[in-house]
Amino acid sequence: MVSPMALEFTLTVWDVLNAFIYILPAYIANASPVIFGGGTPLDFGKNFIDGRRIFGDHKTIRGLLSGILFGTLTGIIVYFITQIDARLLALTLSDALMLGFLLSIGTHIGDLLGSFIKRRLNLKPGAPFVPMDQVGFLIFAILIAYPFYPLLNLAQLLLLLIVTPLVHIGSNVIAWLLKLKEHPW
């Protein structure tokens, strides 16, 4: 059996589709707090030992829970998408839900780590933090989910690392135009 991480750098249309189907729950988990977040901050307004906020006001309980919920539920969409053609990921409904859950948890670990680091660097909430803002969530989503669902090859992972910053920037501009975000980054 060939390892999923085999050093193969060719991508078919099916490879590209499978990469985006796989990561879709992470994208949804990352975007959901913009729409459904707000309320009580995760850090309850507390400061870290350096006197700065742990995460800041933009990281909320409702945002975290909505991200995990909608990212996990996206697993249902992933399952139905994968039933369209045998060349798409082979996932049972329970595997698709678990993949969605793991990707969602990883997404928020990466996002919270980025926020924590931004506070240590004395960056204001909402200030850009390249590349952590664009790919931090993706890296941690994959780190958490991939050991259980190693369904992507190296070329697909590299594709996601290259394309995700563009998707992130585009979705932020759209959220800003819709007045869901204060800044277009």
N, C-alpha and C. Protein backbone atom coordinates (compact mmCIF):
# COMPACT_ATOMS: atom_id res chain seq x y z
N MET A 1 0.84 -1.19 0.00
CA MET A 1 0.00 0.00 0.00
C MET A 1 0.88 1.24 0.00
N VAL A 2 0.52 2.22 -0.79
CA VAL A 2 1.28 3.45 -0.90
C VAL A 2 0.88 4.39 0.23
N SER A 3 1.86 4.97 0.88
CA SER A 3 1.60 5.91 1.96
C SER A 3 0.88 7.15 1.43
N PRO A 4 -0.09 7.70 2.20
CA PRO A 4 -0.79 8.90 1.76
C PRO A 4 0.15 10.10 1.63
N MET A 5 1.28 10.05 2.30
CA MET A 5 2.23 11.16 2.24
C MET A 5 3.33 10.91 1.22
N ALA A 6 3.10 10.00 0.28
CA ALA A 6 4.10 9.70 -0.75
C ALA A 6 4.50 10.99 -1.46
N LEU A 7 5.76 11.07 -1.84
CA LEU A 7 6.27 12.27 -2.49
C LEU A 7 5.82 12.34 -3.94
N GLU A 8 4.57 12.64 -4.11
CA GLU A 8 4.00 12.78 -5.44
C GLU A 8 3.44 14.19 -5.54
N PHE A 9 3.90 14.94 -6.55
CA PHE A 9 3.51 16.34 -6.65
C PHE A 9 2.59 16.62 -7.82
N THR A 10 1.97 15.61 -8.36
CA THR A 10 1.00 15.84 -9.42
C THR A 10 -0.39 15.89 -8.79
N LEU A 11 -1.22 16.75 -9.35
CA LEU A 11 -2.58 16.89 -8.84
C LEU A 11 -3.58 16.75 -9.98
N THR A 12 -4.53 15.87 -9.80
CA THR A 12 -5.62 15.76 -10.75
C THR A 12 -6.76 16.66 -10.25
N VAL A 13 -7.76 16.82 -11.07
CA VAL A 13 -8.94 17.57 -10.65
C VAL A 13 -9.55 16.91 -9.41
N TRP A 14 -9.55 15.58 -9.39
CA TRP A 14 -10.11 14.85 -8.24
C TRP A 14 -9.30 15.09 -6.98
N ASP A 15 -7.97 15.20 -7.13
CA ASP A 15 -7.12 15.51 -5.98
C ASP A 15 -7.46 16.88 -5.40
N VAL A 16 -7.64 17.85 -6.29
CA VAL A 16 -7.98 19.21 -5.86
C VAL A 16 -9.34 19.22 -5.16
N LEU A 17 -10.32 18.58 -5.76
CA LEU A 17 -11.66 18.50 -5.15
C LEU A 17 -11.59 17.83 -3.77
N ASN A 18 -10.89 16.72 -3.69
CA ASN A 18 -10.78 16.00 -2.42
C ASN A 18 -10.08 16.84 -1.35
N ALA A 19 -9.09 17.62 -1.74
CA ALA A 19 -8.40 18.47 -0.77
C ALA A 19 -9.37 19.49 -0.18
N PHE A 20 -10.18 20.11 -1.03
CA PHE A 20 -11.11 21.13 -0.53
C PHE A 20 -12.30 20.52 0.19
N ILE A 21 -12.72 19.34 -0.21
CA ILE A 21 -13.79 18.65 0.52
C ILE A 21 -13.29 18.29 1.92
N TYR A 22 -12.07 17.78 2.00
CA TYR A 22 -11.48 17.40 3.28
C TYR A 22 -11.43 18.59 4.24
N ILE A 23 -10.97 19.75 3.74
CA ILE A 23 -10.71 20.89 4.62
C ILE A 23 -11.93 21.78 4.83
N LEU A 24 -13.01 21.54 4.11
CA LEU A 24 -14.21 22.38 4.20
C LEU A 24 -14.68 22.60 5.65
N PRO A 25 -14.73 21.58 6.51
CA PRO A 25 -15.16 21.85 7.89
C PRO A 25 -14.27 22.86 8.62
N ALA A 26 -12.97 22.86 8.33
CA ALA A 26 -12.07 23.83 8.95
C ALA A 26 -12.39 25.24 8.47
N TYR A 27 -12.64 25.39 7.19
CA TYR A 27 -13.00 26.71 6.65
C TYR A 27 -14.28 27.22 7.31
N ILE A 28 -15.27 26.35 7.45
CA ILE A 28 -16.54 26.75 8.05
C ILE A 28 -16.35 27.05 9.54
N ALA A 29 -15.58 26.23 10.22
CA ALA A 29 -15.31 26.45 11.65
C ALA A 29 -14.60 27.78 11.86
N ASN A 30 -13.71 28.14 10.95
CA ASN A 30 -12.97 29.38 11.07
C ASN A 30 -13.85 30.60 10.78
N ALA A 31 -14.80 30.47 9.90
CA ALA A 31 -15.65 31.60 9.51
C ALA A 31 -16.86 31.79 10.41
N SER A 32 -17.36 30.73 11.01
CA SER A 32 -18.60 30.80 11.80
C SER A 32 -18.58 31.83 12.93
N PRO A 33 -17.49 31.99 13.69
CA PRO A 33 -17.52 32.97 14.77
C PRO A 33 -17.73 34.41 14.29
N VAL A 34 -17.35 34.70 13.06
CA VAL A 34 -17.58 36.04 12.53
C VAL A 34 -19.08 36.34 12.48
N ILE A 35 -19.87 35.33 12.16
CA ILE A 35 -21.32 35.49 12.04
C ILE A 35 -22.02 35.25 13.38
N PHE A 36 -21.60 34.21 14.10
CA PHE A 36 -22.34 33.77 15.28
C PHE A 36 -21.65 34.08 16.60
N GLY A 37 -20.47 34.70 16.55
CA GLY A 37 -19.71 34.98 17.77
C GLY A 37 -20.26 36.16 18.54
N GLY A 38 -19.46 36.66 19.44
CA GLY A 38 -19.88 37.75 20.31
C GLY A 38 -20.19 37.23 21.69
N GLY A 39 -20.43 38.14 22.59
CA GLY A 39 -20.78 37.73 23.95
C GLY A 39 -19.57 37.65 24.86
N THR A 40 -19.61 36.73 25.77
CA THR A 40 -18.59 36.59 26.81
C THR A 40 -17.26 36.12 26.22
N PRO A 41 -16.19 36.88 26.50
CA PRO A 41 -14.87 36.45 26.02
C PRO A 41 -14.44 35.12 26.66
N LEU A 42 -13.73 34.32 25.89
CA LEU A 42 -13.22 33.04 26.41
C LEU A 42 -12.32 33.23 27.63
N ASP A 43 -11.58 34.31 27.65
CA ASP A 43 -10.67 34.55 28.77
C ASP A 43 -11.34 35.30 29.92
N PHE A 44 -12.65 35.55 29.79
CA PHE A 44 -13.44 36.25 30.81
C PHE A 44 -12.80 37.58 31.23
N GLY A 45 -12.07 38.20 30.30
CA GLY A 45 -11.44 39.50 30.57
C GLY A 45 -10.19 39.42 31.42
N LYS A 46 -9.69 38.21 31.64
CA LYS A 46 -8.52 38.02 32.50
C LYS A 46 -7.22 38.26 31.73
N ASN A 47 -6.20 38.64 32.49
CA ASN A 47 -4.88 38.86 31.93
C ASN A 47 -3.97 37.67 32.20
N PHE A 48 -2.98 37.51 31.34
CA PHE A 48 -1.95 36.50 31.50
C PHE A 48 -0.91 37.05 32.49
N ILE A 49 0.11 36.28 32.81
CA ILE A 49 1.13 36.71 33.77
C ILE A 49 1.91 37.94 33.31
N ASP A 50 1.86 38.23 32.00
CA ASP A 50 2.55 39.42 31.49
C ASP A 50 1.69 40.68 31.58
N GLY A 51 0.50 40.56 32.15
CA GLY A 51 -0.38 41.71 32.32
C GLY A 51 -1.27 42.00 31.13
N ARG A 52 -1.09 41.25 30.04
CA ARG A 52 -1.92 41.44 28.85
C ARG A 52 -3.03 40.39 28.83
N ARG A 53 -4.10 40.72 28.10
CA ARG A 53 -5.21 39.79 27.97
C ARG A 53 -4.71 38.45 27.43
N ILE A 54 -5.40 37.38 27.83
CA ILE A 54 -5.02 36.05 27.36
C ILE A 54 -5.32 35.92 25.87
N PHE A 55 -6.58 36.21 25.49
CA PHE A 55 -6.98 36.14 24.08
C PHE A 55 -7.55 37.45 23.57
N GLY A 56 -8.30 38.16 24.38
CA GLY A 56 -8.94 39.40 23.98
C GLY A 56 -10.44 39.23 23.80
N ASP A 57 -11.12 40.34 23.58
CA ASP A 57 -12.58 40.35 23.49
C ASP A 57 -13.13 39.66 22.25
N HIS A 58 -12.33 39.52 21.19
CA HIS A 58 -12.84 38.94 19.95
C HIS A 58 -12.93 37.41 19.98
N LYS A 59 -12.35 36.78 20.96
CA LYS A 59 -12.43 35.32 21.10
C LYS A 59 -13.45 35.01 22.18
N THR A 60 -14.63 34.58 21.75
CA THR A 60 -15.74 34.43 22.68
C THR A 60 -16.18 32.97 22.81
N ILE A 61 -16.89 32.72 23.89
CA ILE A 61 -17.44 31.38 24.12
C ILE A 61 -18.39 31.01 22.98
N ARG A 62 -19.28 31.93 22.64
CA ARG A 62 -20.24 31.67 21.56
C ARG A 62 -19.52 31.46 20.22
N GLY A 63 -18.46 32.20 19.96
CA GLY A 63 -17.70 32.02 18.73
C GLY A 63 -17.05 30.65 18.66
N LEU A 64 -16.45 30.24 19.77
CA LEU A 64 -15.81 28.92 19.83
C LEU A 64 -16.83 27.81 19.62
N LEU A 65 -17.92 27.88 20.37
CA LEU A 65 -18.93 26.82 20.28
C LEU A 65 -19.60 26.80 18.91
N SER A 66 -19.87 27.97 18.34
CA SER A 66 -20.49 28.00 17.01
C SER A 66 -19.53 27.46 15.96
N GLY A 67 -18.26 27.77 16.09
CA GLY A 67 -17.28 27.27 15.14
C GLY A 67 -17.18 25.75 15.17
N ILE A 68 -17.13 25.21 16.38
CA ILE A 68 -17.05 23.74 16.52
C ILE A 68 -18.34 23.09 16.02
N LEU A 69 -19.48 23.67 16.37
CA LEU A 69 -20.76 23.11 15.95
C LEU A 69 -20.92 23.13 14.43
N PHE A 70 -20.72 24.29 13.81
CA PHE A 70 -20.93 24.38 12.37
C PHE A 70 -19.86 23.65 11.58
N GLY A 71 -18.63 23.64 12.09
CA GLY A 71 -17.58 22.86 11.43
C GLY A 71 -17.88 21.37 11.47
N THR A 72 -18.36 20.90 12.63
CA THR A 72 -18.71 19.49 12.78
C THR A 72 -19.89 19.14 11.88
N LEU A 73 -20.91 19.99 11.89
CA LEU A 73 -22.09 19.73 11.04
C LEU A 73 -21.75 19.77 9.55
N THR A 74 -20.71 20.50 9.21
CA THR A 74 -20.25 20.50 7.82
C THR A 74 -19.80 19.10 7.41
N GLY A 75 -19.43 18.30 8.39
CA GLY A 75 -19.11 16.90 8.11
C GLY A 75 -20.26 16.18 7.43
N ILE A 76 -21.50 16.53 7.75
CA ILE A 76 -22.66 15.93 7.08
C ILE A 76 -22.66 16.31 5.59
N ILE A 77 -22.37 17.57 5.32
CA ILE A 77 -22.29 18.02 3.92
C ILE A 77 -21.16 17.28 3.22
N VAL A 78 -20.03 17.16 3.89
CA VAL A 78 -18.89 16.43 3.32
C VAL A 78 -19.31 15.00 2.97
N TYR A 79 -20.01 14.36 3.88
CA TYR A 79 -20.45 12.99 3.62
C TYR A 79 -21.30 12.92 2.34
N PHE A 80 -22.28 13.79 2.22
CA PHE A 80 -23.16 13.74 1.04
C PHE A 80 -22.42 14.10 -0.25
N ILE A 81 -21.48 15.03 -0.16
CA ILE A 81 -20.66 15.37 -1.34
C ILE A 81 -19.86 14.14 -1.79
N THR A 82 -19.29 13.42 -0.81
CA THR A 82 -18.44 12.28 -1.17
C THR A 82 -19.22 11.11 -1.74
N GLN A 83 -20.52 11.13 -1.61
CA GLN A 83 -21.35 10.05 -2.17
C GLN A 83 -21.63 10.25 -3.66
N ILE A 84 -21.26 11.40 -4.20
CA ILE A 84 -21.55 11.73 -5.60
C ILE A 84 -20.76 10.87 -6.57
N ASP A 85 -19.49 10.60 -6.24
CA ASP A 85 -18.62 9.89 -7.16
C ASP A 85 -17.61 9.06 -6.37
N ALA A 86 -17.28 7.90 -6.85
CA ALA A 86 -16.34 7.00 -6.17
C ALA A 86 -14.92 7.56 -6.12
N ARG A 87 -14.62 8.57 -6.94
CA ARG A 87 -13.28 9.16 -6.93
C ARG A 87 -13.10 10.18 -5.82
N LEU A 88 -14.19 10.48 -5.12
CA LEU A 88 -14.11 11.41 -4.00
C LEU A 88 -13.78 10.62 -2.73
N LEU A 89 -13.43 11.34 -1.68
CA LEU A 89 -13.07 10.70 -0.41
C LEU A 89 -14.08 9.64 -0.02
N ALA A 90 -13.60 8.56 0.50
CA ALA A 90 -14.48 7.48 0.97
C ALA A 90 -14.65 7.63 2.47
N LEU A 91 -15.77 8.23 2.87
CA LEU A 91 -16.04 8.45 4.28
C LEU A 91 -17.44 7.97 4.64
N THR A 92 -17.55 7.31 5.78
CA THR A 92 -18.88 7.00 6.31
C THR A 92 -19.40 8.28 6.95
N LEU A 93 -20.67 8.32 7.28
CA LEU A 93 -21.24 9.50 7.92
C LEU A 93 -20.55 9.76 9.26
N SER A 94 -20.32 8.71 10.04
CA SER A 94 -19.66 8.92 11.34
C SER A 94 -18.22 9.42 11.17
N ASP A 95 -17.51 8.90 10.15
CA ASP A 95 -16.16 9.39 9.89
C ASP A 95 -16.17 10.85 9.42
N ALA A 96 -17.13 11.21 8.59
CA ALA A 96 -17.22 12.59 8.11
C ALA A 96 -17.52 13.54 9.27
N LEU A 97 -18.39 13.13 10.19
CA LEU A 97 -18.68 13.96 11.36
C LEU A 97 -17.46 14.07 12.27
N MET A 98 -16.76 12.96 12.47
CA MET A 98 -15.56 12.99 13.32
C MET A 98 -14.46 13.84 12.66
N LEU A 99 -14.30 13.72 11.35
CA LEU A 99 -13.33 14.56 10.65
C LEU A 99 -13.70 16.02 10.84
N GLY A 100 -14.98 16.35 10.67
CA GLY A 100 -15.44 17.73 10.86
C GLY A 100 -15.15 18.22 12.28
N PHE A 101 -15.39 17.37 13.26
CA PHE A 101 -15.14 17.73 14.66
C PHE A 101 -13.65 17.97 14.90
N LEU A 102 -12.81 17.05 14.46
CA LEU A 102 -11.36 17.18 14.67
C LEU A 102 -10.80 18.41 13.97
N LEU A 103 -11.23 18.64 12.73
CA LEU A 103 -10.78 19.83 12.00
C LEU A 103 -11.24 21.10 12.72
N SER A 104 -12.45 21.09 13.25
CA SER A 104 -12.98 22.26 13.96
C SER A 104 -12.20 22.55 15.23
N ILE A 105 -11.91 21.50 15.98
CA ILE A 105 -11.12 21.67 17.21
C ILE A 105 -9.73 22.22 16.85
N GLY A 106 -9.09 21.62 15.87
CA GLY A 106 -7.77 22.08 15.44
C GLY A 106 -7.80 23.52 14.95
N THR A 107 -8.84 23.86 14.21
CA THR A 107 -8.99 25.23 13.70
C THR A 107 -8.97 26.23 14.85
N HIS A 108 -9.73 25.92 15.90
CA HIS A 108 -9.83 26.88 17.00
C HIS A 108 -8.59 26.87 17.90
N ILE A 109 -7.91 25.74 17.98
CA ILE A 109 -6.63 25.74 18.70
C ILE A 109 -5.65 26.67 17.98
N GLY A 110 -5.57 26.54 16.66
CA GLY A 110 -4.68 27.40 15.89
C GLY A 110 -5.06 28.87 15.99
N ASP A 111 -6.35 29.16 15.92
CA ASP A 111 -6.83 30.53 16.00
C ASP A 111 -6.55 31.13 17.39
N LEU A 112 -6.80 30.35 18.43
CA LEU A 112 -6.55 30.84 19.78
C LEU A 112 -5.06 31.03 20.05
N LEU A 113 -4.25 30.13 19.53
CA LEU A 113 -2.80 30.28 19.68
C LEU A 113 -2.34 31.57 18.99
N GLY A 114 -2.87 31.83 17.80
CA GLY A 114 -2.53 33.08 17.11
C GLY A 114 -2.93 34.29 17.93
N SER A 115 -4.10 34.26 18.53
CA SER A 115 -4.58 35.37 19.35
C SER A 115 -3.70 35.53 20.59
N PHE A 116 -3.35 34.41 21.20
CA PHE A 116 -2.48 34.45 22.38
C PHE A 116 -1.13 35.09 22.03
N ILE A 117 -0.55 34.69 20.91
CA ILE A 117 0.74 35.24 20.48
C ILE A 117 0.60 36.73 20.16
N LYS A 118 -0.50 37.12 19.50
CA LYS A 118 -0.72 38.53 19.17
C LYS A 118 -0.75 39.37 20.44
N ARG A 119 -1.41 38.87 21.48
CA ARG A 119 -1.47 39.63 22.73
C ARG A 119 -0.07 39.74 23.33
N ARG A 120 0.76 38.69 23.24
CA ARG A 120 2.11 38.74 23.78
C ARG A 120 2.96 39.74 23.00
N LEU A 121 2.68 39.89 21.71
CA LEU A 121 3.41 40.84 20.86
C LEU A 121 2.83 42.25 20.96
N ASN A 122 1.82 42.41 21.81
CA ASN A 122 1.14 43.68 22.03
C ASN A 122 0.42 44.20 20.78
N LEU A 123 -0.02 43.28 19.92
CA LEU A 123 -0.82 43.67 18.76
C LEU A 123 -2.27 43.81 19.21
N LYS A 124 -2.94 44.79 18.69
CA LYS A 124 -4.34 45.02 19.04
C LYS A 124 -5.23 43.94 18.42
N PRO A 125 -6.36 43.62 19.08
CA PRO A 125 -7.31 42.67 18.48
C PRO A 125 -7.74 43.16 17.10
N GLY A 126 -7.74 42.26 16.15
CA GLY A 126 -8.10 42.62 14.78
C GLY A 126 -6.92 43.05 13.93
N ALA A 127 -5.75 43.32 14.57
CA ALA A 127 -4.57 43.71 13.80
C ALA A 127 -4.09 42.50 12.99
N PRO A 128 -3.61 42.75 11.77
CA PRO A 128 -3.13 41.62 10.96
C PRO A 128 -1.89 40.99 11.57
N PHE A 129 -1.80 39.67 11.43
CA PHE A 129 -0.66 38.91 11.94
C PHE A 129 -0.35 37.83 10.91
N VAL A 130 0.44 38.23 9.91
CA VAL A 130 0.79 37.34 8.80
C VAL A 130 1.97 36.48 9.22
N PRO A 131 1.98 35.19 8.96
CA PRO A 131 1.01 34.36 8.26
C PRO A 131 0.05 33.63 9.19
N MET A 132 0.18 33.87 10.52
CA MET A 132 -0.62 33.11 11.49
C MET A 132 -2.11 33.26 11.24
N ASP A 133 -2.57 34.47 10.91
CA ASP A 133 -4.00 34.68 10.65
C ASP A 133 -4.48 33.86 9.46
N GLN A 134 -3.65 33.71 8.46
CA GLN A 134 -4.06 33.07 7.22
C GLN A 134 -3.94 31.54 7.24
N VAL A 135 -2.91 31.01 7.88
CA VAL A 135 -2.71 29.55 7.83
C VAL A 135 -2.58 28.87 9.19
N GLY A 136 -2.54 29.62 10.27
CA GLY A 136 -2.42 29.01 11.60
C GLY A 136 -3.55 28.03 11.87
N PHE A 137 -4.78 28.45 11.56
CA PHE A 137 -5.92 27.57 11.79
C PHE A 137 -5.82 26.31 10.94
N LEU A 138 -5.35 26.45 9.71
CA LEU A 138 -5.23 25.31 8.79
C LEU A 138 -4.19 24.31 9.28
N ILE A 139 -3.05 24.81 9.70
CA ILE A 139 -1.97 23.94 10.17
C ILE A 139 -2.43 23.11 11.37
N PHE A 140 -3.07 23.77 12.32
CA PHE A 140 -3.51 23.04 13.51
C PHE A 140 -4.69 22.11 13.21
N ALA A 141 -5.56 22.52 12.30
CA ALA A 141 -6.66 21.62 11.90
C ALA A 141 -6.10 20.33 11.33
N ILE A 142 -5.11 20.45 10.46
CA ILE A 142 -4.51 19.27 9.84
C ILE A 142 -3.72 18.46 10.87
N LEU A 143 -2.99 19.15 11.75
CA LEU A 143 -2.23 18.44 12.79
C LEU A 143 -3.13 17.59 13.68
N ILE A 144 -4.33 18.06 13.96
CA ILE A 144 -5.25 17.32 14.83
C ILE A 144 -5.97 16.22 14.05
N ALA A 145 -6.43 16.51 12.83
CA ALA A 145 -7.27 15.55 12.10
C ALA A 145 -6.48 14.51 11.30
N TYR A 146 -5.36 14.91 10.73
CA TYR A 146 -4.64 14.04 9.80
C TYR A 146 -4.19 12.71 10.41
N PRO A 147 -3.74 12.67 11.66
CA PRO A 147 -3.34 11.36 12.22
C PRO A 147 -4.48 10.33 12.22
N PHE A 148 -5.71 10.80 12.31
CA PHE A 148 -6.86 9.90 12.33
C PHE A 148 -7.44 9.68 10.92
N TYR A 149 -7.28 10.70 10.06
CA TYR A 149 -7.82 10.64 8.69
C TYR A 149 -6.75 11.12 7.71
N PRO A 150 -5.74 10.28 7.46
CA PRO A 150 -4.65 10.66 6.54
C PRO A 150 -5.05 10.45 5.08
N LEU A 151 -5.98 11.27 4.63
CA LEU A 151 -6.57 11.07 3.30
C LEU A 151 -6.00 11.99 2.23
N LEU A 152 -5.01 12.79 2.57
CA LEU A 152 -4.41 13.71 1.61
C LEU A 152 -2.95 13.36 1.38
N ASN A 153 -2.48 13.62 0.17
CA ASN A 153 -1.06 13.43 -0.10
C ASN A 153 -0.33 14.77 0.06
N LEU A 154 0.97 14.74 -0.07
CA LEU A 154 1.78 15.94 0.15
C LEU A 154 1.41 17.06 -0.81
N ALA A 155 1.15 16.75 -2.06
CA ALA A 155 0.78 17.77 -3.03
C ALA A 155 -0.54 18.46 -2.63
N GLN A 156 -1.50 17.69 -2.13
CA GLN A 156 -2.77 18.27 -1.68
C GLN A 156 -2.56 19.18 -0.47
N LEU A 157 -1.71 18.74 0.45
CA LEU A 157 -1.43 19.57 1.62
C LEU A 157 -0.75 20.87 1.22
N LEU A 158 0.19 20.79 0.30
CA LEU A 158 0.86 22.01 -0.19
C LEU A 158 -0.13 22.92 -0.91
N LEU A 159 -1.01 22.34 -1.69
CA LEU A 159 -2.05 23.13 -2.37
C LEU A 159 -2.87 23.91 -1.34
N LEU A 160 -3.29 23.25 -0.28
CA LEU A 160 -4.08 23.92 0.75
C LEU A 160 -3.30 25.03 1.43
N LEU A 161 -2.01 24.80 1.67
CA LEU A 161 -1.18 25.85 2.29
C LEU A 161 -1.02 27.06 1.38
N ILE A 162 -1.03 26.83 0.07
CA ILE A 162 -0.87 27.93 -0.89
C ILE A 162 -2.20 28.66 -1.11
N VAL A 163 -3.28 27.93 -1.24
CA VAL A 163 -4.57 28.52 -1.60
C VAL A 163 -5.31 29.11 -0.39
N THR A 164 -5.14 28.53 0.79
CA THR A 164 -5.89 28.98 1.96
C THR A 164 -5.68 30.46 2.28
N PRO A 165 -4.48 31.02 2.19
CA PRO A 165 -4.36 32.46 2.44
C PRO A 165 -5.23 33.30 1.49
N LEU A 166 -5.33 32.87 0.25
CA LEU A 166 -6.18 33.60 -0.70
C LEU A 166 -7.65 33.46 -0.34
N VAL A 167 -8.06 32.26 0.06
CA VAL A 167 -9.44 32.04 0.50
C VAL A 167 -9.72 32.88 1.75
N HIS A 168 -8.77 32.90 2.67
CA HIS A 168 -8.92 33.66 3.91
C HIS A 168 -9.07 35.15 3.63
N ILE A 169 -8.21 35.68 2.79
CA ILE A 169 -8.27 37.10 2.44
C ILE A 169 -9.59 37.42 1.75
N GLY A 170 -9.99 36.58 0.79
CA GLY A 170 -11.25 36.81 0.08
C GLY A 170 -12.46 36.77 1.01
N SER A 171 -12.49 35.80 1.92
CA SER A 171 -13.63 35.69 2.83
C SER A 171 -13.66 36.87 3.82
N ASN A 172 -12.49 37.35 4.21
CA ASN A 172 -12.45 38.51 5.11
C ASN A 172 -12.94 39.78 4.42
N VAL A 173 -12.58 39.95 3.16
CA VAL A 173 -13.05 41.12 2.40
C VAL A 173 -14.57 41.06 2.26
N ILE A 174 -15.09 39.88 1.96
CA ILE A 174 -16.55 39.72 1.83
C ILE A 174 -17.23 40.01 3.18
N ALA A 175 -16.69 39.49 4.27
CA ALA A 175 -17.26 39.73 5.60
C ALA A 175 -17.21 41.23 5.94
N TRP A 176 -16.16 41.90 5.55
CA TRP A 176 -16.03 43.34 5.79
C TRP A 176 -17.05 44.10 4.96
N LEU A 177 -17.21 43.74 3.69
CA LEU A 177 -18.21 44.40 2.83
C LEU A 177 -19.63 44.19 3.36
N LEU A 178 -19.87 43.04 3.98
CA LEU A 178 -21.18 42.75 4.56
C LEU A 178 -21.33 43.33 5.97
N LYS A 179 -20.29 44.09 6.40
CA LYS A 179 -20.29 44.73 7.73
C LYS A 179 -20.28 43.72 8.87
N LEU A 180 -19.74 42.52 8.62
CA LEU A 180 -19.60 41.51 9.66
C LEU A 180 -18.26 41.64 10.39
N LYS A 181 -17.30 42.34 9.76
CA LYS A 181 -15.98 42.55 10.35
C LYS A 181 -15.64 44.03 10.28
N GLU A 182 -14.83 44.47 11.25
CA GLU A 182 -14.42 45.87 11.30
C GLU A 182 -13.35 46.21 10.28
N HIS A 183 -12.55 45.19 9.90
CA HIS A 183 -11.42 45.41 9.00
C HIS A 183 -11.46 44.36 7.89
N PRO A 184 -10.95 44.69 6.70
CA PRO A 184 -10.96 43.72 5.60
C PRO A 184 -9.82 42.70 5.65
N TRP A 185 -9.17 42.52 6.81
CA TRP A 185 -8.10 41.53 6.92
C TRP A 185 -8.37 40.51 7.99
